[in-house]
Each structure stands twice: as structure tokens, then as C-alpha cells.
């Protein structure tokens, strides 16, 4: 799904950036361009970023995979 329509950034790209070490919304903007035009997507982009790191923080990988599905 497109999160940032202005710059064509998808939820998959945000999760990929998070998996590659992106931790903050400002860093996400620098890496993907999400939010750099109108900014209306920043809340959703931040939620996806936070969700990725919350799921990735589970000690058992199977639990993280189950919650991500």
C-alpha cells in the first residue's frame, strides 16, 4: 500500500528501511523521501516504523512473524 502518495513510498519500503537499521521518522524521510513534500503521511509512516521495531524486538522469531501477519 502507498503510504506517501507524493513520493510513491510504500509500506514495504518503510519496513525494508526499518529492517536495514532506520530508527526514526527523520531518518526514514532522508532514506525514502516519505513525508518530504506535504508531510501528511508522517504519522502513518512513523506507526509502521514503530510497529516493525516492536515486532522485531520479540525474543522468539515465531512470535514476531505471527504478529506481523
N, C-alpha and C. Protein backbone atom coordinates (compact mmCIF):
# COMPACT_ATOMS: atom_id res chain seq x y z
N UNK A 1 0.85 -1.16 0.00
CA UNK A 1 0.00 0.00 0.00
C UNK A 1 0.90 1.24 0.00
N UNK A 2 0.44 2.26 -0.71
CA UNK A 2 1.18 3.51 -0.71
C UNK A 2 0.91 4.27 0.57
N UNK A 3 1.96 4.66 1.25
CA UNK A 3 1.86 5.46 2.46
C UNK A 3 2.07 6.93 2.10
N UNK A 4 3.09 7.19 1.31
CA UNK A 4 3.39 8.55 0.85
C UNK A 4 3.07 8.63 -0.64
N UNK A 5 1.91 9.21 -0.94
CA UNK A 5 1.48 9.33 -2.33
C UNK A 5 2.38 10.31 -3.08
N UNK A 6 2.76 11.39 -2.42
CA UNK A 6 3.57 12.43 -3.09
C UNK A 6 4.87 11.88 -3.65
N UNK A 7 5.49 10.96 -2.91
CA UNK A 7 6.79 10.44 -3.31
C UNK A 7 6.78 8.96 -3.66
N UNK A 8 5.59 8.36 -3.68
CA UNK A 8 5.45 6.97 -4.10
C UNK A 8 6.12 5.97 -3.18
N UNK A 9 6.07 6.21 -1.86
CA UNK A 9 6.71 5.31 -0.89
C UNK A 9 5.66 4.36 -0.33
N UNK A 10 5.97 3.07 -0.35
CA UNK A 10 5.03 2.05 0.12
C UNK A 10 5.37 1.59 1.54
N UNK A 11 4.42 0.88 2.14
CA UNK A 11 4.66 0.31 3.47
C UNK A 11 5.80 -0.70 3.41
N UNK A 12 5.91 -1.42 2.31
CA UNK A 12 7.00 -2.38 2.15
C UNK A 12 8.35 -1.67 2.19
N UNK A 13 8.47 -0.54 1.52
CA UNK A 13 9.72 0.21 1.52
C UNK A 13 10.06 0.73 2.91
N UNK A 14 9.04 1.11 3.68
CA UNK A 14 9.27 1.59 5.04
C UNK A 14 9.75 0.44 5.92
N UNK A 15 9.12 -0.72 5.79
CA UNK A 15 9.57 -1.89 6.57
C UNK A 15 10.98 -2.32 6.17
N UNK A 16 11.28 -2.22 4.89
CA UNK A 16 12.62 -2.56 4.41
C UNK A 16 13.65 -1.60 4.99
N UNK A 17 13.35 -0.32 5.01
CA UNK A 17 14.26 0.66 5.60
C UNK A 17 14.46 0.38 7.09
N UNK A 18 13.38 0.02 7.78
CA UNK A 18 13.46 -0.32 9.21
C UNK A 18 14.34 -1.55 9.41
N UNK A 19 14.18 -2.54 8.56
CA UNK A 19 14.99 -3.76 8.66
C UNK A 19 16.46 -3.47 8.40
N UNK A 20 16.73 -2.41 7.65
CA UNK A 20 18.11 -2.03 7.34
C UNK A 20 18.66 -1.01 8.33
N UNK A 21 17.97 -0.84 9.47
CA UNK A 21 18.52 -0.01 10.55
C UNK A 21 17.90 1.35 10.74
N UNK A 22 16.94 1.73 9.95
CA UNK A 22 16.29 3.03 10.10
C UNK A 22 15.48 3.03 11.40
N UNK A 23 15.70 4.01 12.27
CA UNK A 23 15.05 4.02 13.57
C UNK A 23 14.10 5.20 13.78
N UNK A 24 14.29 6.29 13.06
CA UNK A 24 13.47 7.49 13.30
C UNK A 24 12.76 7.93 12.02
N UNK A 25 11.71 8.73 12.20
CA UNK A 25 10.95 9.23 11.06
C UNK A 25 11.82 10.17 10.22
N UNK A 26 12.64 10.98 10.86
CA UNK A 26 13.50 11.89 10.08
C UNK A 26 14.51 11.10 9.24
N UNK A 27 15.04 10.03 9.79
CA UNK A 27 15.94 9.18 9.01
C UNK A 27 15.18 8.49 7.88
N UNK A 28 13.96 8.09 8.15
CA UNK A 28 13.12 7.47 7.12
C UNK A 28 12.89 8.44 5.97
N UNK A 29 12.64 9.69 6.29
CA UNK A 29 12.44 10.72 5.26
C UNK A 29 13.70 10.88 4.42
N UNK A 30 14.85 10.90 5.07
CA UNK A 30 16.11 11.02 4.32
C UNK A 30 16.34 9.81 3.41
N UNK A 31 16.00 8.62 3.89
CA UNK A 31 16.26 7.40 3.11
C UNK A 31 15.26 7.18 1.98
N UNK A 32 13.98 7.49 2.24
CA UNK A 32 12.94 7.14 1.27
C UNK A 32 12.25 8.33 0.62
N UNK A 33 12.33 9.48 1.26
CA UNK A 33 11.60 10.65 0.77
C UNK A 33 10.21 10.76 1.35
N UNK A 34 9.77 9.76 2.10
CA UNK A 34 8.42 9.78 2.69
C UNK A 34 8.27 11.01 3.58
N UNK A 35 7.23 11.77 3.34
CA UNK A 35 6.93 12.93 4.17
C UNK A 35 7.65 14.21 3.81
N UNK A 36 8.49 14.16 2.80
CA UNK A 36 9.29 15.34 2.48
C UNK A 36 8.53 16.39 1.66
N UNK A 37 7.36 16.05 1.15
CA UNK A 37 6.61 17.01 0.35
C UNK A 37 5.51 17.67 1.19
N UNK A 38 4.45 16.97 1.51
CA UNK A 38 3.36 17.60 2.27
C UNK A 38 3.36 17.20 3.74
N UNK A 39 3.93 16.03 4.05
CA UNK A 39 4.02 15.59 5.44
C UNK A 39 2.79 14.91 6.01
N UNK A 40 1.74 14.77 5.23
CA UNK A 40 0.51 14.18 5.78
C UNK A 40 0.67 12.69 6.10
N UNK A 41 1.68 12.05 5.57
CA UNK A 41 1.89 10.61 5.78
C UNK A 41 2.80 10.31 6.97
N UNK A 42 3.37 11.32 7.60
CA UNK A 42 4.39 11.08 8.62
C UNK A 42 3.87 10.27 9.81
N UNK A 43 2.63 10.49 10.23
CA UNK A 43 2.08 9.71 11.35
C UNK A 43 1.99 8.23 10.99
N UNK A 44 1.45 7.93 9.82
CA UNK A 44 1.33 6.53 9.41
C UNK A 44 2.71 5.90 9.20
N UNK A 45 3.62 6.63 8.58
CA UNK A 45 4.97 6.12 8.36
C UNK A 45 5.65 5.83 9.69
N UNK A 46 5.47 6.73 10.66
CA UNK A 46 6.05 6.52 11.99
C UNK A 46 5.45 5.32 12.69
N UNK A 47 4.15 5.12 12.51
CA UNK A 47 3.49 3.96 13.11
C UNK A 47 4.02 2.65 12.52
N UNK A 48 4.22 2.62 11.22
CA UNK A 48 4.76 1.41 10.56
C UNK A 48 6.17 1.15 11.03
N UNK A 49 6.96 2.20 11.14
CA UNK A 49 8.34 2.08 11.61
C UNK A 49 8.36 1.54 13.04
N UNK A 50 7.55 2.11 13.91
CA UNK A 50 7.48 1.66 15.31
C UNK A 50 6.97 0.24 15.41
N UNK A 51 5.97 -0.10 14.60
CA UNK A 51 5.42 -1.46 14.61
C UNK A 51 6.50 -2.48 14.21
N UNK A 52 7.27 -2.13 13.20
CA UNK A 52 8.33 -3.04 12.76
C UNK A 52 9.31 -3.30 13.89
N UNK A 53 9.72 -2.25 14.58
CA UNK A 53 10.72 -2.42 15.64
C UNK A 53 10.13 -3.10 16.87
N UNK A 54 8.84 -2.92 17.12
CA UNK A 54 8.20 -3.61 18.24
C UNK A 54 8.13 -5.11 17.97
N UNK A 55 7.75 -5.48 16.76
CA UNK A 55 7.66 -6.90 16.38
C UNK A 55 9.05 -7.51 16.33
N UNK A 56 10.01 -6.78 15.81
CA UNK A 56 11.39 -7.29 15.70
C UNK A 56 12.01 -7.48 17.08
N UNK A 57 11.46 -6.82 18.10
CA UNK A 57 12.02 -6.92 19.43
C UNK A 57 11.58 -8.15 20.21
N UNK A 58 10.66 -8.94 19.67
CA UNK A 58 10.22 -10.15 20.35
C UNK A 58 11.37 -11.15 20.40
N UNK A 59 11.57 -11.81 21.55
CA UNK A 59 12.69 -12.73 21.68
C UNK A 59 12.56 -14.00 20.85
N UNK A 60 11.35 -14.40 20.54
CA UNK A 60 11.17 -15.60 19.73
C UNK A 60 10.72 -15.18 18.34
N UNK A 61 11.50 -15.47 17.32
CA UNK A 61 11.15 -15.03 15.97
C UNK A 61 9.76 -15.46 15.52
N UNK A 62 9.30 -16.62 15.95
CA UNK A 62 7.99 -17.10 15.53
C UNK A 62 6.88 -16.18 16.03
N UNK A 63 7.04 -15.62 17.23
CA UNK A 63 6.03 -14.70 17.76
C UNK A 63 5.98 -13.43 16.92
N UNK A 64 7.14 -12.90 16.57
CA UNK A 64 7.20 -11.71 15.74
C UNK A 64 6.56 -11.95 14.39
N UNK A 65 6.82 -13.11 13.78
CA UNK A 65 6.24 -13.45 12.49
C UNK A 65 4.71 -13.57 12.59
N UNK A 66 4.23 -14.15 13.68
CA UNK A 66 2.79 -14.33 13.86
C UNK A 66 2.10 -12.97 14.01
N UNK A 67 2.72 -12.05 14.71
CA UNK A 67 2.11 -10.73 14.92
C UNK A 67 2.19 -9.88 13.67
N UNK A 68 3.19 -10.10 12.84
CA UNK A 68 3.35 -9.31 11.61
C UNK A 68 2.35 -9.74 10.54
N UNK A 69 1.84 -10.94 10.65
CA UNK A 69 0.93 -11.46 9.61
C UNK A 69 -0.44 -10.87 9.69
